[in-house]
Amino acid sequence: MSSETLTPNERIIVALDVADLDEARGLVTKLGGSVGVYKIGLELIYRGGLAFAEELANEGHRVFLDAKLLDIEATVERATAAIAMTGAHFLTVHATDRKTLDAAVRGRGDSALKLLGVTVLTNLDRSDLSEQGIEMPPLALVQERARLAQDSGFDGVVASGKEAGALHERLRNFVIVTPGIRPAGAATHDQTRVVTPADAIGAGAHYLVVGRPITRASDPRAAAEAIAAEIAKAAG
């Protein structure tokens, strides 16, 4: 499904960054089909999230397993194969090196699982990268890791909206998933490189990952519909 055929609601990925499965199930019940994808991150993965992903997939929901795999090749390959069996739609893998990326592609096999390369986490800035021994500016590093992911056969990348425009221009037919989305006037919390829904869509992002602005809203469904309206206006 290309970005042109996605409805505004389908372009919203809700981050189920909650403490337990009951709370996650409650959010899915409230949101229903008002969003396109449900993201299960590390916190929930370690609380039964893989079985929950299979449960959601069996119910017809699209699931994004944000596992951020990074390990030796054999481990990444086997982990990817196991995740593909859940029926998840998206899986994240750190796009740091070709060996890791190639292993994930092998693990996916002929399943429908779509692989997304994590470029640079949205809570990191240039000084954080410098602490890791990386002197490349964030944008250049994102571009290099995105190119590596595409060359390895990945379907897309996870990248800040501040880099989405440059990636959209360079990498055609490549999915861009943008986290760190905050509606205008919302708190940024622990994110550094944040953008509004309209800015991300305008820059070329295909999917937007939204957590607290929806999940902690008094009416999550209404919050999701408001963001979908922003997306529709920006894409129109």
C-alpha atoms as a PDB file:
ATOM      1  CA  MET A   1       0.000   0.000   0.000  1.00  0.00           C
ATOM      2  CA  SER A   2       1.569   3.283  -1.101  1.00  0.00           C
ATOM      3  CA  SER A   3       1.277   6.561   0.761  1.00  0.00           C
ATOM      4  CA  GLU A   4      -1.091   7.778  -1.969  1.00  0.00           C
ATOM      5  CA  THR A   5      -3.623   5.034  -1.103  1.00  0.00           C
ATOM      6  CA  LEU A   6      -3.380   5.400   2.689  1.00  0.00           C
ATOM      7  CA  THR A   7      -6.148   7.334   4.406  1.00  0.00           C
ATOM      8  CA  PRO A   8      -5.090   9.941   6.991  1.00  0.00           C
ATOM      9  CA  ASN A   9      -6.121   7.584   9.809  1.00  0.00           C
ATOM     10  CA  GLU A  10      -4.141   4.695   8.309  1.00  0.00           C
ATOM     11  CA  ARG A  11      -1.003   6.819   8.435  1.00  0.00           C
ATOM     12  CA  ILE A  12      -1.152   7.031  12.234  1.00  0.00           C
ATOM     13  CA  ILE A  13       0.900   4.514  14.214  1.00  0.00           C
ATOM     14  CA  VAL A  14      -0.086   4.569  17.875  1.00  0.00           C
ATOM     15  CA  ALA A  15       2.707   3.734  20.296  1.00  0.00           C
ATOM     16  CA  LEU A  16       1.307   1.444  22.982  1.00  0.00           C
ATOM     17  CA  ASP A  17       4.009   2.487  25.449  1.00  0.00           C
ATOM     18  CA  VAL A  18       2.085   1.378  28.507  1.00  0.00           C
ATOM     19  CA  ALA A  19       2.878  -0.770  31.525  1.00  0.00           C
ATOM     20  CA  ASP A  20       0.764  -3.861  30.889  1.00  0.00           C
ATOM     21  CA  LEU A  21      -1.340  -5.728  28.374  1.00  0.00           C
ATOM     22  CA  ASP A  22      -4.659  -4.842  29.995  1.00  0.00           C
ATOM     23  CA  GLU A  23      -3.969  -1.152  29.525  1.00  0.00           C
ATOM     24  CA  ALA A  24      -2.851  -1.791  25.943  1.00  0.00           C
ATOM     25  CA  ARG A  25      -5.988  -3.781  25.165  1.00  0.00           C
ATOM     26  CA  GLY A  26      -8.091  -0.986  26.633  1.00  0.00           C
ATOM     27  CA  LEU A  27      -6.481   1.533  24.305  1.00  0.00           C
ATOM     28  CA  VAL A  28      -7.015  -0.700  21.279  1.00  0.00           C
ATOM     29  CA  THR A  29     -10.679  -1.048  22.238  1.00  0.00           C
ATOM     30  CA  LYS A  30     -11.058   2.726  22.536  1.00  0.00           C
ATOM     31  CA  LEU A  31      -9.209   3.487  19.306  1.00  0.00           C
ATOM     32  CA  GLY A  32     -10.425   0.630  17.127  1.00  0.00           C
ATOM     33  CA  GLY A  33      -9.998   1.493  13.464  1.00  0.00           C
ATOM     34  CA  SER A  34      -9.387   5.196  14.041  1.00  0.00           C
ATOM     35  CA  VAL A  35      -5.648   4.539  13.565  1.00  0.00           C
ATOM     36  CA  GLY A  36      -3.760   2.398  11.083  1.00  0.00           C
ATOM     37  CA  VAL A  37      -1.098   0.581  13.097  1.00  0.00           C
ATOM     38  CA  TYR A  38      -0.438  -0.354  16.724  1.00  0.00           C
ATOM     39  CA  LYS A  39       3.186  -0.178  17.848  1.00  0.00           C
ATOM     40  CA  ILE A  40       4.451  -2.534  20.533  1.00  0.00           C
ATOM     41  CA  GLY A  41       7.751  -1.372  21.990  1.00  0.00           C
ATOM     42  CA  LEU A  42      10.336  -2.907  24.277  1.00  0.00           C
ATOM     43  CA  GLU A  43       8.436  -2.266  27.508  1.00  0.00           C
ATOM     44  CA  LEU A  44       5.412  -4.234  26.319  1.00  0.00           C
ATOM     45  CA  ILE A  45       7.429  -6.838  24.398  1.00  0.00           C
ATOM     46  CA  TYR A  46       8.926  -7.944  27.716  1.00  0.00           C
ATOM     47  CA  ARG A  47       5.449  -8.204  29.246  1.00  0.00           C
ATOM     48  CA  GLY A  48       3.960 -10.642  26.773  1.00  0.00           C
ATOM     49  CA  GLY A  49       4.018  -8.336  23.776  1.00  0.00           C
ATOM     50  CA  LEU A  50       4.884 -10.977  21.178  1.00  0.00           C
ATOM     51  CA  ALA A  51       1.767 -13.000  21.964  1.00  0.00           C
ATOM     52  CA  PHE A  52      -0.201  -9.752  22.049  1.00  0.00           C
ATOM     53  CA  ALA A  53       1.143  -8.848  18.598  1.00  0.00           C
ATOM     54  CA  GLU A  54      -0.123 -12.176  17.270  1.00  0.00           C
ATOM     55  CA  GLU A  55      -3.467 -11.568  18.958  1.00  0.00           C
ATOM     56  CA  LEU A  56      -3.854  -8.160  17.324  1.00  0.00           C
ATOM     57  CA  ALA A  57      -2.750  -9.458  13.922  1.00  0.00           C
ATOM     58  CA  ASN A  58      -5.316 -12.255  14.132  1.00  0.00           C
ATOM     59  CA  GLU A  59      -7.973  -9.626  14.834  1.00  0.00           C
ATOM     60  CA  GLY A  60      -7.030  -7.861  11.612  1.00  0.00           C
ATOM     61  CA  HIS A  61      -4.945  -5.036  13.087  1.00  0.00           C
ATOM     62  CA  ARG A  62      -1.616  -3.989  11.641  1.00  0.00           C
ATOM     63  CA  VAL A  63       1.157  -4.356  14.206  1.00  0.00           C
ATOM     64  CA  PHE A  64       4.522  -2.619  14.404  1.00  0.00           C
ATOM     65  CA  LEU A  65       6.984  -4.531  16.591  1.00  0.00           C
ATOM     66  CA  ASP A  66       9.540  -1.943  17.627  1.00  0.00           C
ATOM     67  CA  ALA A  67      12.181  -4.456  18.730  1.00  0.00           C
ATOM     68  CA  LYS A  68      15.173  -2.444  17.441  1.00  0.00           C
ATOM     69  CA  LEU A  69      17.187  -5.592  16.805  1.00  0.00           C
ATOM     70  CA  LEU A  70      20.988  -5.407  16.961  1.00  0.00           C
ATOM     71  CA  ASP A  71      23.123  -8.469  17.634  1.00  0.00           C
ATOM     72  CA  ILE A  72      25.283 -11.027  15.870  1.00  0.00           C
ATOM     73  CA  GLU A  73      23.919 -12.194  12.524  1.00  0.00           C
ATOM     74  CA  ALA A  74      22.600 -15.600  13.608  1.00  0.00           C
ATOM     75  CA  THR A  75      20.642 -14.076  16.483  1.00  0.00           C
ATOM     76  CA  VAL A  76      19.126 -11.296  14.362  1.00  0.00           C
ATOM     77  CA  GLU A  77      18.173 -13.771  11.642  1.00  0.00           C
ATOM     78  CA  ARG A  78      16.433 -16.160  14.045  1.00  0.00           C
ATOM     79  CA  ALA A  79      14.733 -13.346  15.967  1.00  0.00           C
ATOM     80  CA  THR A  80      13.392 -11.849  12.746  1.00  0.00           C
ATOM     81  CA  ALA A  81      12.076 -15.246  11.641  1.00  0.00           C
ATOM     82  CA  ALA A  82      10.291 -15.671  14.982  1.00  0.00           C
ATOM     83  CA  ILE A  83       8.761 -12.187  14.772  1.00  0.00           C
ATOM     84  CA  ALA A  84       7.578 -12.823  11.202  1.00  0.00           C
ATOM     85  CA  MET A  85       5.555 -15.750  12.547  1.00  0.00           C
ATOM     86  CA  THR A  86       3.469 -13.408  14.738  1.00  0.00           C
ATOM     87  CA  GLY A  87       1.938 -11.770  11.663  1.00  0.00           C
ATOM     88  CA  ALA A  88       3.422  -8.362  12.488  1.00  0.00           C
ATOM     89  CA  HIS A  89       3.430  -5.828   9.662  1.00  0.00           C
ATOM     90  CA  PHE A  90       6.543  -3.823  10.625  1.00  0.00           C
ATOM     91  CA  LEU A  91       9.766  -4.669  12.495  1.00  0.00           C
ATOM     92  CA  THR A  92      12.598  -2.311  13.393  1.00  0.00           C
ATOM     93  CA  VAL A  93      16.292  -3.165  13.147  1.00  0.00           C
ATOM     94  CA  HIS A  94      19.167  -0.799  13.928  1.00  0.00           C
ATOM     95  CA  ALA A  95      20.669   0.259  10.598  1.00  0.00           C
ATOM     96  CA  THR A  96      24.234   0.403  11.875  1.00  0.00           C
ATOM     97  CA  ASP A  97      25.921  -2.190   9.664  1.00  0.00           C
ATOM     98  CA  ARG A  98      25.323  -4.393   6.626  1.00  0.00           C
ATOM     99  CA  LYS A  99      25.743  -7.698   8.499  1.00  0.00           C
ATOM    100  CA  THR A 100      22.838  -6.924  10.831  1.00  0.00           C
ATOM    101  CA  LEU A 101      20.604  -5.723   8.012  1.00  0.00           C
ATOM    102  CA  ASP A 102      21.358  -8.673   5.746  1.00  0.00           C
ATOM    103  CA  ALA A 103      20.618 -11.073   8.598  1.00  0.00           C
ATOM    104  CA  ALA A 104      17.188  -9.529   9.129  1.00  0.00           C
ATOM    105  CA  VAL A 105      16.396  -9.827   5.422  1.00  0.00           C
ATOM    106  CA  ARG A 106      17.330 -13.515   5.523  1.00  0.00           C
ATOM    107  CA  GLY A 107      15.214 -14.026   8.630  1.00  0.00           C
ATOM    108  CA  ARG A 108      12.187 -12.422   7.056  1.00  0.00           C
ATOM    109  CA  GLY A 109      12.315 -14.909   4.208  1.00  0.00           C
ATOM    110  CA  ASP A 110       9.214 -14.793   2.015  1.00  0.00           C
ATOM    111  CA  SER A 111       6.917 -13.506   4.758  1.00  0.00           C
ATOM    112  CA  ALA A 112       4.959 -10.245   4.456  1.00  0.00           C
ATOM    113  CA  LEU A 113       6.939  -8.628   7.278  1.00  0.00           C
ATOM    114  CA  LYS A 114       8.237  -5.176   6.343  1.00  0.00           C
ATOM    115  CA  LEU A 115      11.650  -4.206   7.704  1.00  0.00           C
ATOM    116  CA  LEU A 116      12.423  -0.676   8.894  1.00  0.00           C
ATOM    117  CA  GLY A 117      15.940   0.528   9.611  1.00  0.00           C
ATOM    118  CA  VAL A 118      16.353   2.680  12.709  1.00  0.00           C
ATOM    119  CA  THR A 119      18.615   5.565  11.701  1.00  0.00           C
ATOM    120  CA  VAL A 120      19.172   7.931  14.665  1.00  0.00           C
ATOM    121  CA  LEU A 121      16.882   7.917  17.695  1.00  0.00           C
ATOM    122  CA  THR A 122      14.844  11.105  18.020  1.00  0.00           C
ATOM    123  CA  ASN A 123      16.064  11.794  21.565  1.00  0.00           C
ATOM    124  CA  LEU A 124      19.680  12.176  20.356  1.00  0.00           C
ATOM    125  CA  ASP A 125      21.394  15.313  19.149  1.00  0.00           C
ATOM    126  CA  ARG A 126      24.901  15.984  17.840  1.00  0.00           C
ATOM    127  CA  SER A 127      26.480  16.081  21.294  1.00  0.00           C
ATOM    128  CA  ASP A 128      24.945  12.687  22.139  1.00  0.00           C
ATOM    129  CA  LEU A 129      26.380  11.215  18.945  1.00  0.00           C
ATOM    130  CA  SER A 130      29.770  12.700  19.775  1.00  0.00           C
ATOM    131  CA  GLU A 131      29.710  10.853  23.109  1.00  0.00           C
ATOM    132  CA  GLN A 132      29.341   7.650  21.088  1.00  0.00           C
ATOM    133  CA  GLY A 133      32.398   8.538  19.039  1.00  0.00           C
ATOM    134  CA  ILE A 134      30.337   9.600  16.000  1.00  0.00           C
ATOM    135  CA  GLU A 135      31.329  13.004  14.661  1.00  0.00           C
ATOM    136  CA  MET A 136      29.051  12.873  11.607  1.00  0.00           C
ATOM    137  CA  PRO A 137      26.156  15.382  11.824  1.00  0.00           C
ATOM    138  CA  PRO A 138      22.758  13.752  12.511  1.00  0.00           C
ATOM    139  CA  LEU A 139      21.387  14.426   9.017  1.00  0.00           C
ATOM    140  CA  ALA A 140      24.410  12.934   7.269  1.00  0.00           C
ATOM    141  CA  LEU A 141      24.330   9.907   9.565  1.00  0.00           C
ATOM    142  CA  VAL A 142      20.610   9.389   8.944  1.00  0.00           C
ATOM    143  CA  GLN A 143      21.156   9.571   5.184  1.00  0.00           C
ATOM    144  CA  GLU A 144      24.034   7.104   5.290  1.00  0.00           C
ATOM    145  CA  ARG A 145      22.141   4.595   7.422  1.00  0.00           C
ATOM    146  CA  ALA A 146      19.020   4.945   5.269  1.00  0.00           C
ATOM    147  CA  ARG A 147      21.064   4.253   2.128  1.00  0.00           C
ATOM    148  CA  LEU A 148      22.571   1.191   3.807  1.00  0.00           C
ATOM    149  CA  ALA A 149      19.106  -0.082   4.732  1.00  0.00           C
ATOM    150  CA  GLN A 150      17.754   0.402   1.227  1.00  0.00           C
ATOM    151  CA  ASP A 151      20.764  -1.289  -0.348  1.00  0.00           C
ATOM    152  CA  SER A 152      20.224  -4.258   1.983  1.00  0.00           C
ATOM    153  CA  GLY A 153      16.638  -4.750   0.835  1.00  0.00           C
ATOM    154  CA  PHE A 154      14.746  -3.045   3.649  1.00  0.00           C
ATOM    155  CA  ASP A 155      11.321  -1.517   3.040  1.00  0.00           C
ATOM    156  CA  GLY A 156      11.916   1.763   4.820  1.00  0.00           C
ATOM    157  CA  VAL A 157      13.403   3.612   7.751  1.00  0.00           C
ATOM    158  CA  VAL A 158      12.486   5.279  10.982  1.00  0.00           C
ATOM    159  CA  ALA A 159      13.697   8.878  10.924  1.00  0.00           C
ATOM    160  CA  SER A 160      12.877  12.215  12.504  1.00  0.00           C
ATOM    161  CA  GLY A 161      10.645  14.569  10.576  1.00  0.00           C
ATOM    162  CA  LYS A 162      13.579  16.934  10.486  1.00  0.00           C
ATOM    163  CA  GLU A 163      15.355  14.485   8.165  1.00  0.00           C
ATOM    164  CA  ALA A 164      12.320  13.129   6.298  1.00  0.00           C
ATOM    165  CA  GLY A 165      12.514  15.735   3.554  1.00  0.00           C
ATOM    166  CA  ALA A 166      16.093  14.934   2.634  1.00  0.00           C
ATOM    167  CA  LEU A 167      15.360  11.211   2.664  1.00  0.00           C
ATOM    168  CA  HIS A 168      12.221  11.617   0.562  1.00  0.00           C
ATOM    169  CA  GLU A 169      14.226  13.428  -2.111  1.00  0.00           C
ATOM    170  CA  ARG A 170      17.027  10.844  -2.211  1.00  0.00           C
ATOM    171  CA  LEU A 171      15.274   7.522  -1.626  1.00  0.00           C
ATOM    172  CA  ARG A 172      12.304   6.873  -3.877  1.00  0.00           C
ATOM    173  CA  ASN A 173       9.790   4.091  -3.144  1.00  0.00           C
ATOM    174  CA  PHE A 174      11.091   3.867   0.413  1.00  0.00           C
ATOM    175  CA  VAL A 175       8.789   4.081   3.423  1.00  0.00           C
ATOM    176  CA  ILE A 176       9.575   6.826   5.941  1.00  0.00           C
ATOM    177  CA  VAL A 177       8.164   6.342   9.436  1.00  0.00           C
ATOM    178  CA  THR A 178       8.507   9.395  11.636  1.00  0.00           C
ATOM    179  CA  PRO A 179       8.376   9.295  15.454  1.00  0.00           C
ATOM    180  CA  GLY A 180       8.651  12.272  17.766  1.00  0.00           C
ATOM    181  CA  ILE A 181       5.322  13.668  16.554  1.00  0.00           C
ATOM    182  CA  ARG A 182       3.782  16.357  18.706  1.00  0.00           C
ATOM    183  CA  PRO A 183       0.719  18.423  17.759  1.00  0.00           C
ATOM    184  CA  ALA A 184       1.357  22.163  17.834  1.00  0.00           C
ATOM    185  CA  GLY A 185       1.663  23.371  21.420  1.00  0.00           C
ATOM    186  CA  ALA A 186       2.122  19.911  22.944  1.00  0.00           C
ATOM    187  CA  ALA A 187       4.976  19.127  25.350  1.00  0.00           C
ATOM    188  CA  THR A 188       8.063  17.489  23.808  1.00  0.00           C
ATOM    189  CA  HIS A 189       8.793  15.307  26.891  1.00  0.00           C
ATOM    190  CA  ASP A 190      11.975  13.217  26.280  1.00  0.00           C
ATOM    191  CA  GLN A 191      12.149  13.844  22.544  1.00  0.00           C
ATOM    192  CA  THR A 192      14.686  16.239  21.030  1.00  0.00           C
ATOM    193  CA  ARG A 193      14.037  16.294  17.270  1.00  0.00           C
ATOM    194  CA  VAL A 194      10.240  16.670  17.232  1.00  0.00           C
ATOM    195  CA  VAL A 195       7.877  17.945  14.535  1.00  0.00           C
ATOM    196  CA  THR A 196       4.145  18.517  14.120  1.00  0.00           C
ATOM    197  CA  PRO A 197       1.996  16.121  12.061  1.00  0.00           C
ATOM    198  CA  ALA A 198       1.645  18.719   9.304  1.00  0.00           C
ATOM    199  CA  ASP A 199       5.398  19.336   9.140  1.00  0.00           C
ATOM    200  CA  ALA A 200       6.173  15.610   8.956  1.00  0.00           C
ATOM    201  CA  ILE A 201       3.667  14.951   6.185  1.00  0.00           C
ATOM    202  CA  GLY A 202       4.867  18.016   4.303  1.00  0.00           C
ATOM    203  CA  ALA A 203       8.433  16.711   4.515  1.00  0.00           C
ATOM    204  CA  GLY A 204       7.465  13.388   2.953  1.00  0.00           C
ATOM    205  CA  ALA A 205       6.800  11.060   5.889  1.00  0.00           C
ATOM    206  CA  HIS A 206       4.425   8.202   5.097  1.00  0.00           C
ATOM    207  CA  TYR A 207       3.556   7.115   8.631  1.00  0.00           C
ATOM    208  CA  LEU A 208       3.587   9.082  11.897  1.00  0.00           C
ATOM    209  CA  VAL A 209       4.275   7.462  15.271  1.00  0.00           C
ATOM    210  CA  VAL A 210       2.222   9.131  17.993  1.00  0.00           C
ATOM    211  CA  GLY A 211       2.245   8.092  21.629  1.00  0.00           C
ATOM    212  CA  ARG A 212       1.325  10.281  24.565  1.00  0.00           C
ATOM    213  CA  PRO A 213      -0.690  12.912  22.637  1.00  0.00           C
ATOM    214  CA  ILE A 214      -3.155  10.084  21.895  1.00  0.00           C
ATOM    215  CA  THR A 215      -2.677   7.478  24.614  1.00  0.00           C
ATOM    216  CA  ARG A 216      -2.751   9.956  27.492  1.00  0.00           C
ATOM    217  CA  ALA A 217      -5.547  12.103  26.098  1.00  0.00           C
ATOM    218  CA  SER A 218      -8.859  12.183  27.979  1.00  0.00           C
ATOM    219  CA  ASP A 219     -10.462  10.938  24.751  1.00  0.00           C
ATOM    220  CA  PRO A 220      -7.854   8.955  22.758  1.00  0.00           C
ATOM    221  CA  ARG A 221     -10.129   8.433  19.766  1.00  0.00           C
ATOM    222  CA  ALA A 222     -10.923  12.141  19.488  1.00  0.00           C
ATOM    223  CA  ALA A 223      -7.200  12.923  19.759  1.00  0.00           C
ATOM    224  CA  ALA A 224      -6.466  10.466  16.946  1.00  0.00           C
ATOM    225  CA  GLU A 225      -9.184  11.955  14.766  1.00  0.00           C
ATOM    226  CA  ALA A 226      -7.773  15.455  15.362  1.00  0.00           C
ATOM    227  CA  ILE A 227      -4.324  14.319  14.209  1.00  0.00           C
ATOM    228  CA  ALA A 228      -5.893  12.600  11.183  1.00  0.00           C
ATOM    229  CA  ALA A 229      -7.526  15.918  10.320  1.00  0.00           C
ATOM    230  CA  GLU A 230      -4.110  17.627  10.506  1.00  0.00           C
ATOM    231  CA  ILE A 231      -2.683  14.953   8.208  1.00  0.00           C
ATOM    232  CA  ALA A 232      -5.553  15.351   5.727  1.00  0.00           C
ATOM    233  CA  LYS A 233      -5.079  19.094   5.604  1.00  0.00           C
ATOM    234  CA  ALA A 234      -1.312  18.777   5.108  1.00  0.00           C
ATOM    235  CA  ALA A 235      -1.661  16.084   2.442  1.00  0.00           C
ATOM    236  CA  GLY A 236      -4.514  17.825   0.653  1.00  0.00           C
END
